[in-house]
Protein backbone atom coordinates (compact mmCIF):
# COMPACT_ATOMS: atom_id res chain seq x y z
CA UNK A 1 53.47 -5.59 23.62
CA UNK A 2 51.62 -6.11 20.38
CA UNK A 3 49.11 -8.85 19.66
CA UNK A 4 51.39 -10.83 17.36
CA UNK A 5 54.07 -11.16 20.03
CA UNK A 6 51.58 -12.29 22.67
CA UNK A 7 50.03 -14.86 20.32
CA UNK A 8 53.44 -16.23 19.29
CA UNK A 9 53.86 -17.97 22.64
CA UNK A 10 50.48 -19.74 22.46
CA UNK A 11 49.80 -23.19 21.09
CA UNK A 12 47.72 -23.64 17.96
CA UNK A 13 44.75 -24.83 20.01
CA UNK A 14 44.96 -21.78 22.26
CA UNK A 15 45.14 -19.44 19.26
CA UNK A 16 42.06 -21.10 17.73
CA UNK A 17 40.20 -20.82 21.04
CA UNK A 18 41.25 -17.18 21.37
CA UNK A 19 40.10 -16.38 17.84
CA UNK A 20 36.80 -18.21 18.37
CA UNK A 21 36.10 -16.36 21.61
CA UNK A 22 36.96 -13.05 19.99
CA UNK A 23 34.61 -13.70 17.08
CA UNK A 24 31.81 -14.87 19.38
CA UNK A 25 32.26 -11.79 21.56
CA UNK A 26 32.00 -9.49 18.56
CA UNK A 27 28.94 -11.40 17.32
CA UNK A 28 27.22 -11.02 20.70
CA UNK A 29 28.00 -7.31 20.75
CA UNK A 30 26.40 -6.92 17.34
CA UNK A 31 23.40 -9.01 18.39
CA UNK A 32 22.76 -7.11 21.63
CA UNK A 33 23.25 -3.73 19.97
CA UNK A 34 20.79 -4.71 17.23
CA UNK A 35 18.25 -5.91 19.79
CA UNK A 36 18.59 -2.67 21.74
CA UNK A 37 18.13 -0.65 18.57
CA UNK A 38 15.02 -2.63 17.61
CA UNK A 39 13.57 -2.14 21.09
CA UNK A 40 14.29 1.58 20.97
CA UNK A 41 12.63 1.92 17.57
CA UNK A 42 9.61 -0.02 18.82
CA UNK A 43 9.30 2.30 21.81
CA UNK A 44 9.54 5.36 19.60
CA UNK A 45 6.86 4.07 17.23
CA UNK A 46 4.60 3.28 20.19
CA UNK A 47 5.12 6.76 21.64
CA UNK A 48 4.45 8.35 18.25
CA UNK A 49 1.23 6.34 17.92
CA UNK A 50 0.12 7.37 21.40
CA UNK A 51 0.87 11.02 20.65
CA UNK A 52 -1.05 10.84 17.37
CA UNK A 53 -4.02 9.20 19.08
CA UNK A 54 -4.06 11.84 21.84
CA UNK A 55 -3.80 14.63 19.27
CA UNK A 56 -6.67 13.14 17.27
CA UNK A 57 -8.84 12.90 20.37
CA UNK A 58 -7.96 16.45 21.39
CA UNK A 59 -8.94 17.76 17.95
CA UNK A 60 -12.40 16.22 18.26
CA UNK A 61 -12.21 13.45 15.71
CA UNK A 62 -14.64 10.58 16.00
CA UNK A 63 -13.73 7.06 17.02
CA UNK A 64 -13.05 4.75 14.08
CA UNK A 65 -15.83 2.45 13.00
CA UNK A 66 -15.46 -1.26 13.64
CA UNK A 67 -13.33 -3.38 11.32
CA UNK A 68 -14.32 -5.37 8.24
CA UNK A 69 -17.61 -6.54 9.71
CA UNK A 70 -19.04 -3.00 9.45
CA UNK A 71 -19.64 -3.32 5.72
CA UNK A 72 -20.08 -7.06 5.72
CA UNK A 73 -17.95 -9.36 3.65
CA UNK A 74 -19.11 -8.58 0.13
CA UNK A 75 -18.49 -5.77 -2.31
CA UNK A 76 -22.25 -5.33 -2.61
CA UNK A 77 -22.55 -4.61 1.12
CA UNK A 78 -19.72 -2.07 0.92
CA UNK A 79 -21.25 -0.32 -2.09
CA UNK A 80 -24.67 -0.24 -0.44
CA UNK A 81 -23.26 1.25 2.75
CA UNK A 82 -21.16 3.87 0.98
CA UNK A 83 -23.76 4.84 -1.62
CA UNK A 84 -21.63 3.55 -4.48
CA UNK A 85 -22.53 1.41 -7.49
């Protein structure tokens, strides 16, 4: 039995409800698949970052210096610390 024959016996309200449920189901499938893909990509980026950090530590690199407060907040402080102008 094809879809058109099965929908022919339904009332207009039932057809609208059927169509709405079908569309909402497809929307939820898209939404959950997208969320799963985003979570998977996040996990892969986190694993890649961990692997890069472990490789950097294994190769003997130094720990990074602290953030923006290391040079202060002015260009003059940065230039003085780096030996620039």
